[in-house]
Structures are given as structure tokens and as C-alpha cells.
């Protein structure tokens, strides 16, 4: 089956056998991946497709959970791509609104039965909750599944060596504070920005440091500042240094990731790239002149190159 994304509200029903991994899965950390792996295991046993059922927007933006609304790490399209990369053959997105939030635990089961008449199984994390006032939990979903003839599995959480549970919340805290090492440990890989390169004002080129400019403004974002990065374009990888932010010295207004690569490339505006944030080098700063900015970029480049060389060496040893 060719991988695809479907708005579940746009179809009457998905008529093929499938196993659903259900959840937000923001950031797709190592615990989330275990949920998808379990879904794939059951799908193989039952001759069914591996599917993800996720929601948009985050429930905290629709119902009062007693805390500020969650800022998502990644947007809907990037999340769907991550799910497919982790083995999901099809991604279903359900609009989360007040009407859906008010469904009882039993009504949620009826919704699944209607939309997935050949549902073979459901997999969630053990702390999954759903329905009005979050009355549904793993136990309730297990009972619903037993009555309706579905296999159900609640996957246990994954913990760091210090005992803290891996979670999207932990990833958001790590990213917001610039702790990319912790983020990578939980996610199983570095934080990244993905999209199309936009035309810039070529100020970097005039300073001797040409950049590839990627507009990037997610809800939850890393601190504005300078990073050692790895850029992927097609099947090639490049190392570089990047400034993420509004670049106050030249007066930008919307956040842009400006990446200077250590080697010359022949692609630019319109090219689709993925930029991984490897190390936070320093916060963004306004300089008194372009000459001072130029000197700082040279120093940042030197520091980033040293880190990237060390990072690449560690990768090659694995």
C-alpha cells in the first residue's frame, strides 16, 4: 500500500483491515516509536495495514486542561511525514473540536467502529486518555476493544537513565532551553527544520558568508541564536553553521534559519531541505556594525566546524 495522509472526516469509512496507533505523537520520541512498532507487529499477524490516527489541533487548544495550550514541536505535514518514515502506511487526521471532545468513552468506540469497519487492532501508550473529561483510559479502551473484537495493546513508557519518562513535554522543555543533547536522547535524533529555501537579501554573501534561508516558525521553537547544523538536500548531506531568529543587526521580522555551509553548493531558492540542529553555540545578538557581525560569523563558523568534525567522527564510528 502506498503511504498517504487522509482527513478522516472527509471519508465515510476506511474499508480495509488496519491496526491503529492512536495518539498525538508530537516529536515521535522513542516511546512513540514503540507504539508504532507494536502496531506493525499486530498488523503483520493480522494481515492488516499499519495506520496512525492522530488529531489536529492539540486537544489543549480546544478544552481547558488546567494549563496553557500546548505548543506543538512540528506541524501537521511534518508529523505525518515522520509517521510514514517510522513505518505507518497511512496516516488519518481527525479534527479535534468540542463536539468530538465531548464524546463518551463508548461513543469513541462507536466512532472507531463506524470509520474503521474492518479494524483489527488498536495500540496506544499506557497513559492514553480520551473522551469527555478524559474519562476514557487504557482500561476502558481494552474493555471496548474486547466487546468489539479488536486486539488492544497499551505500550509501557520508556525512561531515561535518571528515571524521567520520555514525553513530548520533556522534548519541548529541552528544545525551548536549547538542550539539544537531551532532545536528541528522547527523540532518537536531532531536532530539525524542513521546507523550501526562500530568496534572501544576499547580505550574507556580501559579508563573505552566503546563506540558504529557510523560513521556520513552529509553535514550539528553539532559542534564537547560532547553531552547528547538518543540512540534507536530496541524498547529500552538508555541514554548516546557522543563525536562527530575526537577525536584529539587519532588521528581519519573521524567524528565518540562515545556514552557511562549509562547502559550495549549486542549489538555492525553491530547493527542499532538512536542517538538523546539532549544537546551540550562542544566543542571537545585535551588533553595532556589519563588520563586527562579520567577525563574529567567522568565529562561529570556526567553532561550528570543530563540533561538526567531532560529530561526524562519532557517527562514522557507529
Protein backbone atom coordinates (compact mmCIF):
# COMPACT_ATOMS: atom_id res chain seq x y z
CA UNK A 1 0.00 0.00 0.00
CA UNK A 2 1.31 3.42 -0.97
CA UNK A 3 1.79 5.67 2.07
CA UNK A 4 -0.68 8.55 2.30
CA UNK A 5 -2.45 11.00 4.62
CA UNK A 6 -6.25 11.13 4.94
CA UNK A 7 -8.57 13.54 6.72
CA UNK A 8 -10.87 11.02 8.40
CA UNK A 9 -13.78 13.48 8.31
CA UNK A 10 -13.60 13.53 4.51
CA UNK A 11 -14.38 9.83 4.08
CA UNK A 12 -17.33 7.67 5.09
CA UNK A 13 -15.14 4.78 6.19
CA UNK A 14 -11.80 3.06 5.59
CA UNK A 15 -12.85 -0.34 4.30
CA UNK A 16 -9.55 -2.22 4.56
CA UNK A 17 -8.18 -4.14 7.59
CA UNK A 18 -5.88 -1.96 9.65
CA UNK A 19 -4.24 -1.61 13.04
CA UNK A 20 -4.37 1.89 14.51
CA UNK A 21 -1.65 3.55 16.56
CA UNK A 22 -3.67 6.29 18.28
CA UNK A 23 -2.24 9.47 19.78
CA UNK A 24 -0.76 12.91 19.12
CA UNK A 25 2.81 11.54 18.87
CA UNK A 26 4.29 15.05 18.70
CA UNK A 27 8.04 14.75 18.07
CA UNK A 28 7.73 10.96 17.65
CA UNK A 29 10.07 10.14 20.53
CA UNK A 30 11.39 6.65 21.33
CA UNK A 31 8.30 5.78 23.37
CA UNK A 32 6.03 6.76 20.48
CA UNK A 33 8.10 4.62 18.14
CA UNK A 34 7.46 1.59 20.33
CA UNK A 35 3.73 2.17 19.90
CA UNK A 36 4.15 2.17 16.11
CA UNK A 37 6.39 -0.91 16.28
CA UNK A 38 3.75 -2.78 18.26
CA UNK A 39 1.08 -1.74 15.76
CA UNK A 40 3.27 -3.05 12.94
CA UNK A 41 3.75 -6.34 14.79
CA UNK A 42 -0.01 -6.87 15.19
CA UNK A 43 -0.61 -5.75 11.60
CA UNK A 44 1.76 -8.42 10.30
CA UNK A 45 -0.01 -11.08 12.34
CA UNK A 46 -3.44 -9.99 11.10
CA UNK A 47 -2.54 -9.18 7.51
CA UNK A 48 -3.57 -5.57 8.01
CA UNK A 49 -2.22 -2.11 7.19
CA UNK A 50 -0.25 -0.12 9.76
CA UNK A 51 -2.06 3.17 10.38
CA UNK A 52 -1.80 6.19 12.67
CA UNK A 53 -4.84 8.06 13.97
CA UNK A 54 -3.80 11.48 15.21
CA UNK A 55 -5.57 14.76 15.93
CA UNK A 56 -5.40 18.42 14.98
CA UNK A 57 -5.24 20.81 16.74
CA UNK A 58 -3.85 19.63 20.07
CA UNK A 59 -6.76 18.94 22.49
CA UNK A 60 -5.38 21.56 24.91
CA UNK A 61 -6.35 24.24 22.37
CA UNK A 62 -9.97 23.09 22.42
CA UNK A 63 -10.70 22.12 26.03
CA UNK A 64 -9.48 23.57 29.32
CA UNK A 65 -6.89 21.20 30.78
CA UNK A 66 -5.89 23.45 33.64
CA UNK A 67 -2.67 24.51 31.91
CA UNK A 68 -1.62 26.69 28.96
CA UNK A 69 -2.31 25.24 25.49
CA UNK A 70 0.46 23.04 24.15
CA UNK A 71 2.84 24.46 21.56
CA UNK A 72 3.49 21.69 19.05
CA UNK A 73 7.03 20.75 18.07
CA UNK A 74 6.08 20.07 14.47
CA UNK A 75 3.23 20.98 12.15
CA UNK A 76 0.72 18.54 10.72
CA UNK A 77 2.54 17.83 7.44
CA UNK A 78 5.93 17.21 9.03
CA UNK A 79 4.38 14.98 11.69
CA UNK A 80 2.64 12.89 9.02
CA UNK A 81 5.92 12.51 7.15
CA UNK A 82 7.61 11.37 10.35
CA UNK A 83 4.90 8.75 10.94
CA UNK A 84 5.30 7.41 7.43
CA UNK A 85 9.06 7.31 7.89
CA UNK A 86 8.52 5.21 11.02
CA UNK A 87 6.50 2.63 9.13
CA UNK A 88 2.92 3.90 9.00
CA UNK A 89 1.34 3.05 5.67
CA UNK A 90 -1.49 5.50 6.13
CA UNK A 91 -2.00 8.49 8.45
CA UNK A 92 -5.51 9.51 9.47
CA UNK A 93 -6.02 13.00 10.87
CA UNK A 94 -9.15 13.76 12.93
CA UNK A 95 -10.16 17.36 13.54
CA UNK A 96 -10.35 17.80 17.30
CA UNK A 97 -13.24 20.07 18.22
CA UNK A 98 -15.56 20.50 21.20
CA UNK A 99 -18.10 18.08 19.78
CA UNK A 100 -15.51 15.33 19.43
CA UNK A 101 -14.04 16.17 22.84
CA UNK A 102 -17.47 15.66 24.43
CA UNK A 103 -17.81 12.06 23.24
CA UNK A 104 -18.15 9.44 25.96
CA UNK A 105 -15.77 6.51 26.11
CA UNK A 106 -18.41 4.31 24.49
CA UNK A 107 -19.13 6.90 21.79
CA UNK A 108 -15.43 6.98 20.93
CA UNK A 109 -15.55 3.23 20.38
CA UNK A 110 -18.60 3.65 18.14
CA UNK A 111 -16.75 6.31 16.15
CA UNK A 112 -13.85 3.94 15.54
CA UNK A 113 -16.19 1.11 14.54
CA UNK A 114 -18.01 3.35 12.06
CA UNK A 115 -14.90 4.80 10.47
CA UNK A 116 -12.89 1.55 10.52
CA UNK A 117 -15.36 -1.33 10.00
CA UNK A 118 -12.51 -3.81 9.47
CA UNK A 119 -10.40 -2.57 12.37
CA UNK A 120 -8.10 -5.36 13.54
CA UNK A 121 -6.40 -3.70 16.48
CA UNK A 122 -5.56 -0.56 18.42
CA UNK A 123 -2.27 0.41 20.09
CA UNK A 124 -1.74 3.36 22.42
CA UNK A 125 0.65 4.40 25.14
CA UNK A 126 -0.32 3.15 28.60
CA UNK A 127 -1.16 6.72 29.70
CA UNK A 128 -3.54 7.42 26.78
CA UNK A 129 -6.78 9.17 27.78
CA UNK A 130 -9.77 10.20 25.69
CA UNK A 131 -13.42 11.24 25.78
CA UNK A 132 -15.36 13.74 27.87
CA UNK A 133 -13.36 14.87 30.89
CA UNK A 134 -10.70 12.32 29.86
CA UNK A 135 -12.91 9.58 31.30
CA UNK A 136 -11.53 7.00 28.89
CA UNK A 137 -8.18 5.36 29.59
CA UNK A 138 -6.26 2.23 28.63
CA UNK A 139 -8.51 0.02 30.77
CA UNK A 140 -11.69 1.43 29.23
CA UNK A 141 -10.29 1.07 25.72
CA UNK A 142 -9.28 -2.52 26.46
CA UNK A 143 -12.86 -3.30 27.54
CA UNK A 144 -14.29 -1.57 24.45
CA UNK A 145 -11.89 -3.49 22.21
CA UNK A 146 -12.78 -6.82 23.79
CA UNK A 147 -16.50 -6.23 23.22
CA UNK A 148 -15.95 -5.25 19.60
CA UNK A 149 -13.44 -7.96 18.73
CA UNK A 150 -10.33 -5.75 18.38
CA UNK A 151 -6.87 -6.57 19.66
CA UNK A 152 -5.72 -3.86 22.05
CA UNK A 153 -2.24 -3.16 23.39
CA UNK A 154 -1.15 -0.41 25.79
CA UNK A 155 2.60 0.10 25.42
CA UNK A 156 4.60 0.94 28.54
CA UNK A 157 6.57 4.17 28.69
CA UNK A 158 10.29 4.49 28.02
CA UNK A 159 12.51 6.12 30.65
CA UNK A 160 15.84 7.90 30.69
CA UNK A 161 18.63 6.54 32.89
CA UNK A 162 17.79 9.11 35.54
CA UNK A 163 14.25 7.75 35.76
CA UNK A 164 12.38 10.51 33.92
CA UNK A 165 9.76 9.33 31.47
CA UNK A 166 10.27 10.22 27.82
CA UNK A 167 7.49 12.52 26.68
CA UNK A 168 6.66 15.27 24.22
CA UNK A 169 6.57 17.68 27.16
CA UNK A 170 10.17 16.80 28.05
CA UNK A 171 11.17 17.34 24.41
CA UNK A 172 9.52 20.76 24.39
CA UNK A 173 11.33 21.80 27.57
CA UNK A 174 14.65 20.58 26.18
CA UNK A 175 14.17 22.37 22.87
CA UNK A 176 12.98 25.65 24.39
CA UNK A 177 16.05 25.76 26.65
CA UNK A 178 18.48 24.86 23.87
CA UNK A 179 19.35 21.48 25.40
CA UNK A 180 19.74 19.69 22.08
CA UNK A 181 21.59 16.77 23.65
CA UNK A 182 18.61 15.90 25.86
CA UNK A 183 16.21 16.45 22.97
CA UNK A 184 18.16 14.03 20.80
CA UNK A 185 18.27 11.39 23.56
CA UNK A 186 14.49 11.44 23.87
CA UNK A 187 13.71 11.79 20.16
CA UNK A 188 16.31 9.32 18.97
CA UNK A 189 17.74 12.00 16.68
CA UNK A 190 18.24 15.78 16.40
CA UNK A 191 15.57 18.43 16.13
CA UNK A 192 15.13 19.60 12.55
CA UNK A 193 13.53 22.22 10.34
CA UNK A 194 12.23 21.27 6.91
CA UNK A 195 10.90 23.24 3.98
CA UNK A 196 11.77 25.23 0.86
CA UNK A 197 14.64 27.67 0.62
CA UNK A 198 13.47 31.27 0.13
CA UNK A 199 15.22 34.14 -1.60
CA UNK A 200 17.10 36.45 0.74
CA UNK A 201 18.67 39.91 0.51
CA UNK A 202 22.13 38.37 -0.08
CA UNK A 203 23.58 40.21 2.92
CA UNK A 204 25.46 37.08 3.96
CA UNK A 205 27.01 36.83 0.50
CA UNK A 206 28.21 40.44 0.74
CA UNK A 207 29.85 39.60 4.07
CA UNK A 208 31.60 36.59 2.56
CA UNK A 209 29.26 34.03 4.16
CA UNK A 210 26.46 33.15 1.70
CA UNK A 211 23.43 31.54 3.32
CA UNK A 212 20.48 29.36 2.42
CA UNK A 213 17.41 30.90 4.02
CA UNK A 214 14.62 28.71 5.36
CA UNK A 215 11.55 30.39 6.91
CA UNK A 216 10.72 28.37 10.05
CA UNK A 217 8.21 29.41 12.70
CA UNK A 218 6.77 26.41 14.59
CA UNK A 219 4.67 26.78 17.74
CA UNK A 220 7.46 25.38 19.93
CA UNK A 221 10.81 26.53 18.69
CA UNK A 222 14.48 26.53 19.70
CA UNK A 223 16.06 29.69 21.14
CA UNK A 224 17.06 32.36 18.65
CA UNK A 225 20.77 32.05 18.13
CA UNK A 226 23.62 30.30 16.33
CA UNK A 227 23.86 26.54 15.80
CA UNK A 228 26.12 23.91 14.34
CA UNK A 229 23.93 22.16 11.77
CA UNK A 230 23.68 19.41 9.18
CA UNK A 231 21.71 20.11 6.00
CA UNK A 232 20.20 17.43 3.78
CA UNK A 233 19.33 18.09 0.16
CA UNK A 234 18.29 15.11 -1.90
CA UNK A 235 20.67 12.32 -0.97
CA UNK A 236 23.52 14.63 0.03
CA UNK A 237 24.48 15.91 3.47
CA UNK A 238 26.36 19.09 4.22
CA UNK A 239 27.77 20.59 7.43
CA UNK A 240 27.41 24.22 8.38
CA UNK A 241 26.67 26.99 10.83
CA UNK A 242 23.27 28.66 11.04
CA UNK A 243 21.61 31.61 12.67
CA UNK A 244 18.01 31.09 13.67
CA UNK A 245 15.95 34.13 14.51
CA UNK A 246 15.09 37.59 13.24
CA UNK A 247 18.71 38.74 12.81
CA UNK A 248 18.33 42.10 14.62
CA UNK A 249 21.50 43.55 13.06
CA UNK A 250 19.85 43.63 9.62
CA UNK A 251 16.26 44.02 10.86
CA UNK A 252 14.35 40.88 9.86
CA UNK A 253 10.90 40.41 11.38
CA UNK A 254 9.86 36.77 10.82
CA UNK A 255 12.04 33.89 12.08
CA UNK A 256 14.38 32.52 9.44
CA UNK A 257 17.03 29.81 9.61
CA UNK A 258 20.04 31.17 7.70
CA UNK A 259 22.53 28.39 7.01
CA UNK A 260 26.08 28.91 5.80
CA UNK A 261 27.57 25.66 4.50
CA UNK A 262 31.25 24.77 4.70
CA UNK A 263 31.31 23.85 1.01
CA UNK A 264 29.89 25.50 -2.10
CA UNK A 265 26.57 24.17 -3.40
CA UNK A 266 24.57 24.69 -6.57
CA UNK A 267 21.05 24.81 -5.23
CA UNK A 268 19.09 27.69 -3.81
CA UNK A 269 15.59 29.21 -3.72
CA UNK A 270 12.84 26.63 -4.18
CA UNK A 271 15.01 23.70 -3.11
CA UNK A 272 13.58 21.49 -0.38
CA UNK A 273 15.96 20.88 2.51
CA UNK A 274 16.09 19.45 6.00
CA UNK A 275 18.32 21.16 8.55
CA UNK A 276 19.20 19.34 11.78
CA UNK A 277 20.18 21.43 14.83
CA UNK A 278 23.24 19.74 16.37
CA UNK A 279 24.57 22.19 18.96
CA UNK A 280 23.48 25.55 20.35
CA UNK A 281 26.54 27.81 20.14
CA UNK A 282 25.29 31.18 21.39
CA UNK A 283 22.16 33.36 21.67
CA UNK A 284 21.23 35.77 18.88
CA UNK A 285 22.79 39.19 19.33
CA UNK A 286 22.55 42.61 17.72
CA UNK A 287 25.88 44.00 16.54
CA UNK A 288 26.83 47.66 16.16
CA UNK A 289 28.06 47.21 12.61
CA UNK A 290 28.21 44.71 9.76
CA UNK A 291 31.97 44.48 10.29
CA UNK A 292 31.51 43.29 13.86
CA UNK A 293 28.87 40.83 12.64
CA UNK A 294 31.30 39.53 10.02
CA UNK A 295 33.99 38.88 12.66
CA UNK A 296 31.51 37.05 14.87
CA UNK A 297 30.28 34.88 11.99
CA UNK A 298 33.88 33.87 11.26
CA UNK A 299 34.32 32.84 14.90
CA UNK A 300 31.01 30.99 14.91
CA UNK A 301 31.97 29.16 11.72
CA UNK A 302 35.25 28.01 13.22
CA UNK A 303 33.56 26.74 16.36
CA UNK A 304 30.78 25.01 14.41
CA UNK A 305 33.28 23.34 12.07
CA UNK A 306 35.17 21.90 15.02
CA UNK A 307 31.97 20.50 16.53
CA UNK A 308 30.71 19.10 13.21
CA UNK A 309 34.01 17.32 12.59
CA UNK A 310 33.75 15.70 16.02
CA UNK A 311 30.08 14.83 15.46
CA UNK A 312 30.80 13.25 12.08
CA UNK A 313 33.64 11.22 13.56
CA UNK A 314 31.35 9.79 16.23
CA UNK A 315 28.76 8.84 13.59
CA UNK A 316 31.35 7.05 11.47
CA UNK A 317 32.47 5.01 14.47
CA UNK A 318 29.00 3.55 14.99
